[in-house]
Amino acid sequence: MATRRAIDFLEELRFQTQLIHHHVDGITDEESLLQLPFEANCHNWVVGNIIFRRHSALEMLGQGLFWPSVTPAVGEVVPIMESIAHVEEGQDPGPFNTDPPSSGRHYAADLEAGFYEEGALEQYGPYPAGYLVHNLEHGYVIFWYNCELLDEKACASLKDQIQDAMDEVDNFKVIAFPWTSINFPVVLTSWGKMQQFEKFDVDAAVAFVTSNRNRAPEPQAP
């Protein structure tokens, strides 16, 4: 019975894939980002969410993806939180199902790509995750680092290695941000994916970014 249900589920996904292709055919990038004249998400956001959730379900079933151009994602699969709505800036967007977060409620604003030093924890208020989760929704990869676990020399070395990894991916849609609540020197997250590093590995980090960047509901957002 379970096998039959799995087959039926995959057939339903194939049918939905055909429907998605039918409805997006001929739509330009600009048209997909147009906002409706009432409270609703744009076409890009809706289709992106459908595709992402279907792909996550297929990965959990051990099945291949229906878009061959999409490479398999690297890292631990993290369930997408039920609510990924906007909340007012200053409001606690949590709780999240992981630390650091890989999806969830967030602010309407986000942060610029780049390397943020420890002072950023105070600069962006009590809940900087509210901004950063929005970046994840746009397809960013975040390097959450915790230098409180290291001495000064090791911290400086870690920051240099993180920057090296970011440089290798052209500093595009990547953020390094201090996060003192994690038990690892570095944790990478993208939308619905996570990789923890007891010892940072530049090549593994680059592979995570290359595989997971823009695998999110709003990949065409800046």
C-alpha atoms as a PDB file:
ATOM      1  CA  MET A   1       0.000   0.000   0.000  1.00  0.00           C
ATOM      2  CA  ALA A   2       2.818   2.402   0.910  1.00  0.00           C
ATOM      3  CA  THR A   3       4.553   1.734  -2.419  1.00  0.00           C
ATOM      4  CA  ARG A   4       1.346   2.345  -4.346  1.00  0.00           C
ATOM      5  CA  ARG A   5       0.820   5.617  -2.531  1.00  0.00           C
ATOM      6  CA  ALA A   6       4.384   6.691  -3.284  1.00  0.00           C
ATOM      7  CA  ILE A   7       3.889   5.932  -6.985  1.00  0.00           C
ATOM      8  CA  ASP A   8       0.608   7.865  -7.015  1.00  0.00           C
ATOM      9  CA  PHE A   9       2.329  10.773  -5.290  1.00  0.00           C
ATOM     10  CA  LEU A  10       5.110  10.865  -7.891  1.00  0.00           C
ATOM     11  CA  GLU A  11       2.602  10.709 -10.727  1.00  0.00           C
ATOM     12  CA  GLU A  12       0.730  13.637  -9.192  1.00  0.00           C
ATOM     13  CA  LEU A  13       3.978  15.615  -9.017  1.00  0.00           C
ATOM     14  CA  ARG A  14       4.678  14.873 -12.683  1.00  0.00           C
ATOM     15  CA  PHE A  15       1.234  16.161 -13.591  1.00  0.00           C
ATOM     16  CA  GLN A  16       1.740  19.304 -11.505  1.00  0.00           C
ATOM     17  CA  THR A  17       5.099  19.842 -13.191  1.00  0.00           C
ATOM     18  CA  GLN A  18       3.400  19.807 -16.583  1.00  0.00           C
ATOM     19  CA  LEU A  19       0.836  22.325 -15.314  1.00  0.00           C
ATOM     20  CA  ILE A  20       3.564  24.635 -14.028  1.00  0.00           C
ATOM     21  CA  HIS A  21       5.341  24.559 -17.397  1.00  0.00           C
ATOM     22  CA  HIS A  22       2.042  25.323 -19.131  1.00  0.00           C
ATOM     23  CA  HIS A  23       1.245  28.327 -16.937  1.00  0.00           C
ATOM     24  CA  VAL A  24       4.715  29.910 -16.921  1.00  0.00           C
ATOM     25  CA  ASP A  25       5.427  29.484 -20.637  1.00  0.00           C
ATOM     26  CA  GLY A  26       6.037  32.891 -22.217  1.00  0.00           C
ATOM     27  CA  ILE A  27       6.075  34.889 -18.968  1.00  0.00           C
ATOM     28  CA  THR A  28       9.056  37.251 -18.685  1.00  0.00           C
ATOM     29  CA  ASP A  29      11.146  37.757 -15.545  1.00  0.00           C
ATOM     30  CA  GLU A  30       9.678  41.239 -15.154  1.00  0.00           C
ATOM     31  CA  GLU A  31       6.111  39.934 -15.435  1.00  0.00           C
ATOM     32  CA  SER A  32       6.756  37.200 -12.873  1.00  0.00           C
ATOM     33  CA  LEU A  33       7.706  39.848 -10.285  1.00  0.00           C
ATOM     34  CA  LEU A  34       4.650  42.072 -10.782  1.00  0.00           C
ATOM     35  CA  GLN A  35       2.654  42.608  -7.591  1.00  0.00           C
ATOM     36  CA  LEU A  36      -1.123  42.208  -7.685  1.00  0.00           C
ATOM     37  CA  PRO A  37      -3.292  45.218  -6.699  1.00  0.00           C
ATOM     38  CA  PHE A  38      -4.297  43.438  -3.473  1.00  0.00           C
ATOM     39  CA  GLU A  39      -2.472  41.587  -0.706  1.00  0.00           C
ATOM     40  CA  ALA A  40      -0.903  38.574  -2.406  1.00  0.00           C
ATOM     41  CA  ASN A  41       2.490  37.272  -3.532  1.00  0.00           C
ATOM     42  CA  CYS A  42       3.825  37.657  -7.055  1.00  0.00           C
ATOM     43  CA  HIS A  43       3.839  34.848  -9.631  1.00  0.00           C
ATOM     44  CA  ASN A  44       7.549  34.220  -9.066  1.00  0.00           C
ATOM     45  CA  TRP A  45       7.050  33.687  -5.325  1.00  0.00           C
ATOM     46  CA  VAL A  46       4.093  31.314  -5.761  1.00  0.00           C
ATOM     47  CA  VAL A  47       5.739  29.121  -8.402  1.00  0.00           C
ATOM     48  CA  GLY A  48       9.068  29.177  -6.561  1.00  0.00           C
ATOM     49  CA  ASN A  49       7.412  27.904  -3.380  1.00  0.00           C
ATOM     50  CA  ILE A  50       5.607  25.139  -5.264  1.00  0.00           C
ATOM     51  CA  ILE A  51       8.774  23.965  -6.991  1.00  0.00           C
ATOM     52  CA  PHE A  52      10.905  24.148  -3.855  1.00  0.00           C
ATOM     53  CA  ARG A  53       8.452  22.180  -1.718  1.00  0.00           C
ATOM     54  CA  ARG A  54       7.990  19.544  -4.429  1.00  0.00           C
ATOM     55  CA  HIS A  55      11.752  19.135  -4.779  1.00  0.00           C
ATOM     56  CA  SER A  56      12.158  18.811  -1.003  1.00  0.00           C
ATOM     57  CA  ALA A  57       9.505  16.070  -0.966  1.00  0.00           C
ATOM     58  CA  LEU A  58      11.236  14.241  -3.819  1.00  0.00           C
ATOM     59  CA  GLU A  59      14.593  14.406  -2.056  1.00  0.00           C
ATOM     60  CA  MET A  60      13.076  12.862   1.075  1.00  0.00           C
ATOM     61  CA  LEU A  61      11.661  10.065  -1.100  1.00  0.00           C
ATOM     62  CA  GLY A  62      15.049   9.501  -2.692  1.00  0.00           C
ATOM     63  CA  GLN A  63      13.722  10.393  -6.131  1.00  0.00           C
ATOM     64  CA  GLY A  64      15.335  12.439  -8.876  1.00  0.00           C
ATOM     65  CA  LEU A  65      14.201  15.921  -9.780  1.00  0.00           C
ATOM     66  CA  PHE A  66      12.014  16.679 -12.777  1.00  0.00           C
ATOM     67  CA  TRP A  67      14.168  19.648 -13.796  1.00  0.00           C
ATOM     68  CA  PRO A  68      17.451  18.009 -14.922  1.00  0.00           C
ATOM     69  CA  SER A  69      19.248  21.375 -14.881  1.00  0.00           C
ATOM     70  CA  VAL A  70      18.767  21.601 -11.111  1.00  0.00           C
ATOM     71  CA  THR A  71      21.694  19.924  -9.381  1.00  0.00           C
ATOM     72  CA  PRO A  72      21.192  17.962  -6.150  1.00  0.00           C
ATOM     73  CA  ALA A  73      21.550  20.103  -3.059  1.00  0.00           C
ATOM     74  CA  VAL A  74      24.391  19.634  -0.575  1.00  0.00           C
ATOM     75  CA  GLY A  75      23.778  19.616   3.177  1.00  0.00           C
ATOM     76  CA  GLU A  76      21.219  18.433   5.683  1.00  0.00           C
ATOM     77  CA  VAL A  77      17.588  18.854   4.643  1.00  0.00           C
ATOM     78  CA  VAL A  78      15.670  20.966   7.165  1.00  0.00           C
ATOM     79  CA  PRO A  79      11.852  21.053   7.081  1.00  0.00           C
ATOM     80  CA  ILE A  80      10.476  24.379   5.897  1.00  0.00           C
ATOM     81  CA  MET A  81       8.562  26.091   8.679  1.00  0.00           C
ATOM     82  CA  GLU A  82       4.802  26.294   8.326  1.00  0.00           C
ATOM     83  CA  SER A  83       4.762  30.101   8.496  1.00  0.00           C
ATOM     84  CA  ILE A  84       7.148  32.126   6.346  1.00  0.00           C
ATOM     85  CA  ALA A  85       5.129  35.341   6.584  1.00  0.00           C
ATOM     86  CA  HIS A  86       6.411  38.871   7.107  1.00  0.00           C
ATOM     87  CA  VAL A  87       6.345  40.332  10.603  1.00  0.00           C
ATOM     88  CA  GLU A  88       6.882  43.907  11.789  1.00  0.00           C
ATOM     89  CA  GLU A  89      10.521  44.975  12.227  1.00  0.00           C
ATOM     90  CA  GLY A  90      11.462  44.726  15.888  1.00  0.00           C
ATOM     91  CA  GLN A  91       9.019  41.888  16.506  1.00  0.00           C
ATOM     92  CA  ASP A  92      10.463  38.476  17.378  1.00  0.00           C
ATOM     93  CA  PRO A  93      10.161  36.409  14.158  1.00  0.00           C
ATOM     94  CA  GLY A  94      10.838  33.151  16.021  1.00  0.00           C
ATOM     95  CA  PRO A  95      10.804  30.582  17.284  1.00  0.00           C
ATOM     96  CA  PHE A  96      12.664  28.779  14.516  1.00  0.00           C
ATOM     97  CA  ASN A  97      12.996  25.020  14.097  1.00  0.00           C
ATOM     98  CA  THR A  98      16.812  25.231  13.910  1.00  0.00           C
ATOM     99  CA  ASP A  99      19.583  27.444  15.235  1.00  0.00           C
ATOM    100  CA  PRO A 100      20.650  29.161  13.104  1.00  0.00           C
ATOM    101  CA  PRO A 101      17.414  29.416  11.096  1.00  0.00           C
ATOM    102  CA  SER A 102      16.971  28.143   7.545  1.00  0.00           C
ATOM    103  CA  SER A 103      13.370  29.326   6.999  1.00  0.00           C
ATOM    104  CA  GLY A 104      10.556  30.955   8.919  1.00  0.00           C
ATOM    105  CA  ARG A 105       8.905  34.280   9.554  1.00  0.00           C
ATOM    106  CA  HIS A 106      10.966  37.355   8.707  1.00  0.00           C
ATOM    107  CA  TYR A 107      10.998  41.111   8.130  1.00  0.00           C
ATOM    108  CA  ALA A 108      10.145  42.817   4.857  1.00  0.00           C
ATOM    109  CA  ALA A 109      13.704  44.216   4.787  1.00  0.00           C
ATOM    110  CA  ASP A 110      16.880  42.219   4.285  1.00  0.00           C
ATOM    111  CA  LEU A 111      20.645  42.820   4.476  1.00  0.00           C
ATOM    112  CA  GLU A 112      23.297  43.529   1.863  1.00  0.00           C
ATOM    113  CA  ALA A 113      25.687  40.766   0.881  1.00  0.00           C
ATOM    114  CA  GLY A 114      29.022  40.861   2.678  1.00  0.00           C
ATOM    115  CA  PHE A 115      30.982  40.083   5.834  1.00  0.00           C
ATOM    116  CA  TYR A 116      29.483  41.392   9.086  1.00  0.00           C
ATOM    117  CA  GLU A 117      31.678  41.778  12.156  1.00  0.00           C
ATOM    118  CA  GLU A 118      30.576  41.175  15.748  1.00  0.00           C
ATOM    119  CA  GLY A 119      29.155  44.688  16.136  1.00  0.00           C
ATOM    120  CA  ALA A 120      26.370  43.748  13.729  1.00  0.00           C
ATOM    121  CA  LEU A 121      24.621  41.854  16.528  1.00  0.00           C
ATOM    122  CA  GLU A 122      23.843  45.181  18.219  1.00  0.00           C
ATOM    123  CA  GLN A 123      23.477  47.225  15.034  1.00  0.00           C
ATOM    124  CA  TYR A 124      20.513  45.210  13.776  1.00  0.00           C
ATOM    125  CA  GLY A 125      18.559  45.053  16.996  1.00  0.00           C
ATOM    126  CA  PRO A 126      17.537  42.105  19.136  1.00  0.00           C
ATOM    127  CA  TYR A 127      16.335  39.942  16.228  1.00  0.00           C
ATOM    128  CA  PRO A 128      18.764  40.160  13.270  1.00  0.00           C
ATOM    129  CA  ALA A 129      17.438  36.791  12.084  1.00  0.00           C
ATOM    130  CA  GLY A 130      14.351  38.675  10.928  1.00  0.00           C
ATOM    131  CA  TYR A 131      16.445  40.289   8.184  1.00  0.00           C
ATOM    132  CA  LEU A 132      18.643  37.294   7.456  1.00  0.00           C
ATOM    133  CA  VAL A 133      15.803  34.814   6.932  1.00  0.00           C
ATOM    134  CA  HIS A 134      14.485  37.172   4.264  1.00  0.00           C
ATOM    135  CA  ASN A 135      17.882  36.892   2.578  1.00  0.00           C
ATOM    136  CA  LEU A 136      17.541  33.108   2.698  1.00  0.00           C
ATOM    137  CA  GLU A 137      14.145  33.391   0.993  1.00  0.00           C
ATOM    138  CA  HIS A 138      15.901  35.318  -1.802  1.00  0.00           C
ATOM    139  CA  GLY A 139      18.357  32.467  -2.328  1.00  0.00           C
ATOM    140  CA  TYR A 140      21.250  33.626  -0.144  1.00  0.00           C
ATOM    141  CA  VAL A 141      23.653  31.373   1.727  1.00  0.00           C
ATOM    142  CA  ILE A 142      24.655  32.569   5.190  1.00  0.00           C
ATOM    143  CA  PHE A 143      27.907  31.752   7.010  1.00  0.00           C
ATOM    144  CA  TRP A 144      26.931  31.959  10.687  1.00  0.00           C
ATOM    145  CA  TYR A 145      30.176  32.061  12.699  1.00  0.00           C
ATOM    146  CA  ASN A 146      30.898  31.991  16.434  1.00  0.00           C
ATOM    147  CA  CYS A 147      34.306  33.307  17.436  1.00  0.00           C
ATOM    148  CA  GLU A 148      33.443  32.937  21.131  1.00  0.00           C
ATOM    149  CA  LEU A 149      34.484  29.296  20.702  1.00  0.00           C
ATOM    150  CA  LEU A 150      37.958  30.305  19.492  1.00  0.00           C
ATOM    151  CA  ASP A 151      40.949  32.294  20.648  1.00  0.00           C
ATOM    152  CA  GLU A 152      41.857  35.541  18.901  1.00  0.00           C
ATOM    153  CA  LYS A 153      44.308  33.999  16.440  1.00  0.00           C
ATOM    154  CA  ALA A 154      41.959  31.169  15.483  1.00  0.00           C
ATOM    155  CA  CYS A 155      39.100  33.652  15.046  1.00  0.00           C
ATOM    156  CA  ALA A 156      41.142  35.799  12.670  1.00  0.00           C
ATOM    157  CA  SER A 157      42.125  32.712  10.691  1.00  0.00           C
ATOM    158  CA  LEU A 158      38.514  31.539  10.503  1.00  0.00           C
ATOM    159  CA  LYS A 159      37.344  34.912   9.231  1.00  0.00           C
ATOM    160  CA  ASP A 160      40.028  34.859   6.536  1.00  0.00           C
ATOM    161  CA  GLN A 161      38.933  31.375   5.438  1.00  0.00           C
ATOM    162  CA  ILE A 162      35.274  32.390   5.324  1.00  0.00           C
ATOM    163  CA  GLN A 163      36.188  35.417   3.219  1.00  0.00           C
ATOM    164  CA  ASP A 164      38.227  33.164   0.904  1.00  0.00           C
ATOM    165  CA  ALA A 165      35.160  30.979   0.388  1.00  0.00           C
ATOM    166  CA  MET A 166      32.977  34.014  -0.264  1.00  0.00           C
ATOM    167  CA  ASP A 167      35.516  35.371  -2.756  1.00  0.00           C
ATOM    168  CA  GLU A 168      35.504  32.041  -4.617  1.00  0.00           C
ATOM    169  CA  VAL A 169      31.756  32.404  -5.220  1.00  0.00           C
ATOM    170  CA  ASP A 170      32.160  36.059  -6.284  1.00  0.00           C
ATOM    171  CA  ASN A 171      30.593  37.347  -3.054  1.00  0.00           C
ATOM    172  CA  PHE A 172      27.223  36.922  -4.755  1.00  0.00           C
ATOM    173  CA  LYS A 173      24.265  36.279  -2.437  1.00  0.00           C
ATOM    174  CA  VAL A 174      26.480  35.290   0.487  1.00  0.00           C
ATOM    175  CA  ILE A 175      26.601  36.775   3.976  1.00  0.00           C
ATOM    176  CA  ALA A 176      28.897  36.056   6.922  1.00  0.00           C
ATOM    177  CA  PHE A 177      27.221  36.963  10.203  1.00  0.00           C
ATOM    178  CA  PRO A 178      28.232  36.476  13.867  1.00  0.00           C
ATOM    179  CA  TRP A 179      25.991  34.069  15.800  1.00  0.00           C
ATOM    180  CA  THR A 180      27.001  33.264  19.362  1.00  0.00           C
ATOM    181  CA  SER A 181      24.269  30.714  20.144  1.00  0.00           C
ATOM    182  CA  ILE A 182      25.662  27.969  17.897  1.00  0.00           C
ATOM    183  CA  ASN A 183      27.929  25.192  19.180  1.00  0.00           C
ATOM    184  CA  PHE A 184      30.077  25.086  16.039  1.00  0.00           C
ATOM    185  CA  PRO A 185      32.589  27.659  14.771  1.00  0.00           C
ATOM    186  CA  VAL A 186      30.628  27.876  11.502  1.00  0.00           C
ATOM    187  CA  VAL A 187      27.205  26.765  10.312  1.00  0.00           C
ATOM    188  CA  LEU A 188      26.019  27.372   6.756  1.00  0.00           C
ATOM    189  CA  THR A 189      22.355  27.652   5.917  1.00  0.00           C
ATOM    190  CA  SER A 190      20.376  28.207   2.772  1.00  0.00           C
ATOM    191  CA  TRP A 191      16.592  27.912   2.443  1.00  0.00           C
ATOM    192  CA  GLY A 192      15.821  24.499   3.945  1.00  0.00           C
ATOM    193  CA  LYS A 193      19.444  23.327   4.061  1.00  0.00           C
ATOM    194  CA  MET A 194      22.176  23.329   6.725  1.00  0.00           C
ATOM    195  CA  GLN A 195      25.801  22.254   7.092  1.00  0.00           C
ATOM    196  CA  GLN A 196      27.739  22.387  10.378  1.00  0.00           C
ATOM    197  CA  PHE A 197      31.523  22.708  10.540  1.00  0.00           C
ATOM    198  CA  GLU A 198      33.571  21.565  13.529  1.00  0.00           C
ATOM    199  CA  LYS A 199      36.567  22.582  11.402  1.00  0.00           C
ATOM    200  CA  PHE A 200      35.891  24.944   8.534  1.00  0.00           C
ATOM    201  CA  ASP A 201      36.579  23.600   5.045  1.00  0.00           C
ATOM    202  CA  VAL A 202      36.701  26.179   2.259  1.00  0.00           C
ATOM    203  CA  ASP A 203      36.096  23.654  -0.524  1.00  0.00           C
ATOM    204  CA  ALA A 204      33.105  22.112   1.291  1.00  0.00           C
ATOM    205  CA  ALA A 205      31.669  25.567   1.936  1.00  0.00           C
ATOM    206  CA  VAL A 206      32.040  26.540  -1.718  1.00  0.00           C
ATOM    207  CA  ALA A 207      30.311  23.306  -2.721  1.00  0.00           C
ATOM    208  CA  PHE A 208      27.427  24.107  -0.359  1.00  0.00           C
ATOM    209  CA  VAL A 209      27.043  27.612  -1.806  1.00  0.00           C
ATOM    210  CA  THR A 210      27.302  26.447  -5.404  1.00  0.00           C
ATOM    211  CA  SER A 211      24.709  23.743  -4.848  1.00  0.00           C
ATOM    212  CA  ASN A 212      22.200  25.634  -2.690  1.00  0.00           C
ATOM    213  CA  ARG A 213      22.386  29.278  -3.686  1.00  0.00           C
ATOM    214  CA  ASN A 214      19.119  30.449  -5.295  1.00  0.00           C
ATOM    215  CA  ARG A 215      17.305  27.221  -4.359  1.00  0.00           C
ATOM    216  CA  ALA A 216      14.659  29.261  -2.601  1.00  0.00           C
ATOM    217  CA  PRO A 217      11.171  30.680  -3.152  1.00  0.00           C
ATOM    218  CA  GLU A 218      12.399  34.030  -4.591  1.00  0.00           C
ATOM    219  CA  PRO A 219      15.644  33.303  -6.474  1.00  0.00           C
ATOM    220  CA  GLN A 220      15.211  36.240  -8.859  1.00  0.00           C
ATOM    221  CA  ALA A 221      15.114  38.779  -6.044  1.00  0.00           C
ATOM    222  CA  PRO A 222      18.387  40.702  -5.598  1.00  0.00           C
END
